[in-house]
Amino acid sequence: MRINLLKPFKKGEIMEKYTNGGKIPVGLGLALEEYNAMDYFFSLSTQAQQQIIDRTHMIQSKNEMLAYVQSLVPQK
């Protein structure tokens, strides 16, 4: 699923599908969407998810976030 940034959507509409109201950083969520990795992320244990989230706090750019998420997703 790709996000069309030009198309307006309700705040939290995309993340709500996966998180049931839980919180993940917006940049991480967008990068997970970019690589179709939401299902992978939410298949991980809560502890593994938190470790990933904790590592995102050092990331300073969109490109860094995309590279980080790409490194997490198993290659097909």
N, C-alpha and C. Protein backbone atom coordinates (compact mmCIF):
# COMPACT_ATOMS: atom_id res chain seq x y z
N MET A 1 0.84 -1.17 0.00
CA MET A 1 0.00 0.00 0.00
C MET A 1 0.89 1.24 0.00
N ARG A 2 0.70 2.09 -0.93
CA ARG A 2 1.44 3.34 -1.02
C ARG A 2 0.56 4.48 -0.54
N ILE A 3 1.17 5.45 0.07
CA ILE A 3 0.44 6.62 0.56
C ILE A 3 0.54 7.71 -0.49
N ASN A 4 -0.58 8.24 -0.90
CA ASN A 4 -0.59 9.38 -1.80
C ASN A 4 -0.61 10.62 -0.92
N LEU A 5 0.52 11.30 -0.84
CA LEU A 5 0.63 12.46 0.05
C LEU A 5 -0.21 13.64 -0.43
N LEU A 6 -0.65 13.60 -1.68
CA LEU A 6 -1.48 14.68 -2.19
C LEU A 6 -2.95 14.48 -1.84
N LYS A 7 -3.32 13.26 -1.54
CA LYS A 7 -4.71 12.95 -1.19
C LYS A 7 -4.89 13.12 0.31
N PRO A 8 -5.82 13.95 0.72
CA PRO A 8 -6.03 14.13 2.16
C PRO A 8 -6.59 12.85 2.79
N PHE A 9 -6.18 12.58 4.00
CA PHE A 9 -6.74 11.47 4.75
C PHE A 9 -6.90 11.90 6.20
N LYS A 10 -7.76 11.20 6.89
CA LYS A 10 -8.01 11.55 8.28
C LYS A 10 -6.78 11.24 9.11
N LYS A 11 -6.53 12.08 10.09
CA LYS A 11 -5.39 11.90 10.97
C LYS A 11 -5.43 10.51 11.60
N GLY A 12 -4.35 9.76 11.43
CA GLY A 12 -4.26 8.44 12.03
C GLY A 12 -4.97 7.34 11.27
N GLU A 13 -5.57 7.65 10.15
CA GLU A 13 -6.36 6.68 9.41
C GLU A 13 -5.54 5.44 9.03
N ILE A 14 -4.34 5.64 8.53
CA ILE A 14 -3.52 4.53 8.07
C ILE A 14 -3.00 3.72 9.26
N MET A 15 -2.43 4.39 10.24
CA MET A 15 -1.85 3.70 11.39
C MET A 15 -2.90 2.96 12.21
N GLU A 16 -4.08 3.53 12.30
CA GLU A 16 -5.14 2.94 13.12
C GLU A 16 -5.45 1.52 12.69
N LYS A 17 -5.34 1.26 11.40
CA LYS A 17 -5.59 -0.08 10.87
C LYS A 17 -4.71 -1.11 11.56
N TYR A 18 -3.50 -0.72 11.92
CA TYR A 18 -2.53 -1.66 12.47
C TYR A 18 -2.37 -1.57 13.98
N THR A 19 -2.50 -0.39 14.54
CA THR A 19 -2.07 -0.19 15.92
C THR A 19 -3.16 -0.32 16.97
N ASN A 20 -4.41 -0.33 16.55
CA ASN A 20 -5.51 -0.32 17.53
C ASN A 20 -5.32 0.81 18.53
N GLY A 21 -4.87 1.95 18.05
CA GLY A 21 -4.70 3.11 18.92
C GLY A 21 -3.34 3.22 19.55
N GLY A 22 -2.45 2.23 19.34
CA GLY A 22 -1.09 2.29 19.87
C GLY A 22 -0.30 3.39 19.19
N LYS A 23 0.83 3.72 19.76
CA LYS A 23 1.62 4.83 19.23
C LYS A 23 2.92 4.33 18.63
N ILE A 24 3.18 4.74 17.40
CA ILE A 24 4.50 4.58 16.80
C ILE A 24 4.85 5.92 16.17
N PRO A 25 6.14 6.24 16.10
CA PRO A 25 6.52 7.52 15.50
C PRO A 25 6.01 7.63 14.06
N VAL A 26 5.55 8.81 13.69
CA VAL A 26 4.98 9.03 12.37
C VAL A 26 5.98 8.68 11.27
N GLY A 27 7.23 9.12 11.43
CA GLY A 27 8.25 8.84 10.41
C GLY A 27 8.46 7.36 10.22
N LEU A 28 8.45 6.61 11.31
CA LEU A 28 8.59 5.16 11.22
C LEU A 28 7.38 4.56 10.52
N GLY A 29 6.20 5.01 10.89
CA GLY A 29 4.99 4.50 10.25
C GLY A 29 4.97 4.75 8.76
N LEU A 30 5.37 5.94 8.35
CA LEU A 30 5.40 6.26 6.93
C LEU A 30 6.43 5.42 6.19
N ALA A 31 7.58 5.20 6.82
CA ALA A 31 8.61 4.37 6.19
C ALA A 31 8.15 2.92 6.11
N LEU A 32 7.47 2.43 7.14
CA LEU A 32 6.94 1.07 7.10
C LEU A 32 5.94 0.93 5.95
N GLU A 33 5.12 1.94 5.76
CA GLU A 33 4.18 1.93 4.64
C GLU A 33 4.91 1.94 3.30
N GLU A 34 5.96 2.73 3.21
CA GLU A 34 6.74 2.85 1.96
C GLU A 34 7.27 1.49 1.52
N TYR A 35 7.69 0.67 2.47
CA TYR A 35 8.26 -0.64 2.15
C TYR A 35 7.27 -1.78 2.40
N ASN A 36 6.01 -1.46 2.53
CA ASN A 36 4.98 -2.48 2.79
C ASN A 36 5.41 -3.39 3.95
N ALA A 37 5.89 -2.78 5.01
CA ALA A 37 6.47 -3.52 6.12
C ALA A 37 5.63 -3.47 7.40
N MET A 38 4.44 -2.89 7.34
CA MET A 38 3.60 -2.82 8.54
C MET A 38 3.29 -4.21 9.09
N ASP A 39 2.90 -5.12 8.21
CA ASP A 39 2.56 -6.47 8.67
C ASP A 39 3.77 -7.12 9.34
N TYR A 40 4.95 -6.94 8.74
CA TYR A 40 6.16 -7.51 9.33
C TYR A 40 6.41 -6.91 10.71
N PHE A 41 6.36 -5.58 10.81
CA PHE A 41 6.62 -4.91 12.08
C PHE A 41 5.67 -5.41 13.17
N PHE A 42 4.38 -5.49 12.86
CA PHE A 42 3.41 -5.88 13.88
C PHE A 42 3.35 -7.39 14.11
N SER A 43 4.11 -8.15 13.32
CA SER A 43 4.23 -9.59 13.59
C SER A 43 5.33 -9.84 14.62
N LEU A 44 6.15 -8.83 14.89
CA LEU A 44 7.23 -8.94 15.87
C LEU A 44 6.68 -8.86 17.28
N SER A 45 7.46 -9.35 18.23
CA SER A 45 7.07 -9.24 19.63
C SER A 45 7.03 -7.76 20.03
N THR A 46 6.30 -7.47 21.08
CA THR A 46 6.23 -6.10 21.58
C THR A 46 7.61 -5.58 21.93
N GLN A 47 8.44 -6.43 22.49
CA GLN A 47 9.81 -6.04 22.85
C GLN A 47 10.62 -5.69 21.61
N ALA A 48 10.52 -6.49 20.56
CA ALA A 48 11.25 -6.21 19.31
C ALA A 48 10.75 -4.92 18.68
N GLN A 49 9.44 -4.70 18.71
CA GLN A 49 8.89 -3.45 18.17
C GLN A 49 9.45 -2.25 18.93
N GLN A 50 9.51 -2.36 20.25
CA GLN A 50 10.00 -1.25 21.07
C GLN A 50 11.47 -0.98 20.79
N GLN A 51 12.26 -2.03 20.58
CA GLN A 51 13.68 -1.84 20.25
C GLN A 51 13.83 -1.07 18.94
N ILE A 52 13.00 -1.41 17.96
CA ILE A 52 13.03 -0.70 16.68
C ILE A 52 12.65 0.77 16.88
N ILE A 53 11.58 0.99 17.63
CA ILE A 53 11.13 2.36 17.90
C ILE A 53 12.23 3.15 18.62
N ASP A 54 12.86 2.52 19.62
CA ASP A 54 13.92 3.20 20.37
C ASP A 54 15.07 3.63 19.46
N ARG A 55 15.42 2.79 18.50
CA ARG A 55 16.51 3.12 17.58
C ARG A 55 16.15 4.28 16.65
N THR A 56 14.87 4.50 16.42
CA THR A 56 14.48 5.58 15.50
C THR A 56 14.74 6.96 16.08
N HIS A 57 14.91 7.05 17.38
CA HIS A 57 15.10 8.36 18.01
C HIS A 57 16.42 9.02 17.62
N MET A 58 17.36 8.23 17.08
CA MET A 58 18.65 8.78 16.64
C MET A 58 18.63 9.16 15.16
N ILE A 59 17.58 8.80 14.45
CA ILE A 59 17.50 9.04 13.01
C ILE A 59 17.11 10.49 12.77
N GLN A 60 17.81 11.14 11.83
CA GLN A 60 17.63 12.58 11.65
C GLN A 60 17.05 12.99 10.30
N SER A 61 16.81 12.03 9.40
CA SER A 61 16.27 12.42 8.10
C SER A 61 15.35 11.33 7.56
N LYS A 62 14.55 11.72 6.60
CA LYS A 62 13.65 10.78 5.94
C LYS A 62 14.45 9.66 5.28
N ASN A 63 15.53 10.02 4.60
CA ASN A 63 16.34 9.00 3.92
C ASN A 63 16.96 8.01 4.90
N GLU A 64 17.40 8.50 6.05
CA GLU A 64 17.94 7.61 7.08
C GLU A 64 16.85 6.66 7.57
N MET A 65 15.64 7.18 7.77
CA MET A 65 14.54 6.34 8.24
C MET A 65 14.19 5.28 7.21
N LEU A 66 14.12 5.67 5.94
CA LEU A 66 13.82 4.71 4.89
C LEU A 66 14.89 3.62 4.83
N ALA A 67 16.15 4.01 4.93
CA ALA A 67 17.24 3.03 4.90
C ALA A 67 17.16 2.10 6.10
N TYR A 68 16.84 2.65 7.26
CA TYR A 68 16.72 1.84 8.47
C TYR A 68 15.61 0.81 8.32
N VAL A 69 14.45 1.24 7.88
CA VAL A 69 13.32 0.32 7.71
C VAL A 69 13.64 -0.73 6.65
N GLN A 70 14.27 -0.31 5.57
CA GLN A 70 14.63 -1.27 4.52
C GLN A 70 15.58 -2.34 5.08
N SER A 71 16.46 -1.95 5.99
CA SER A 71 17.39 -2.91 6.58
C SER A 71 16.70 -3.91 7.51
N LEU A 72 15.52 -3.55 8.00
CA LEU A 72 14.78 -4.43 8.91
C LEU A 72 14.00 -5.51 8.19
N VAL A 73 13.54 -5.18 7.00
CA VAL A 73 12.62 -6.06 6.28
C VAL A 73 13.40 -7.19 5.62
N PRO A 74 12.97 -8.44 5.87
CA PRO A 74 13.65 -9.57 5.21
C PRO A 74 13.56 -9.44 3.69
N GLN A 75 14.69 -9.66 3.03
CA GLN A 75 14.73 -9.58 1.57
C GLN A 75 14.08 -10.82 0.97
N LYS A 76 13.32 -10.60 -0.08
CA LYS A 76 12.63 -11.71 -0.74
C LYS A 76 13.47 -12.25 -1.87
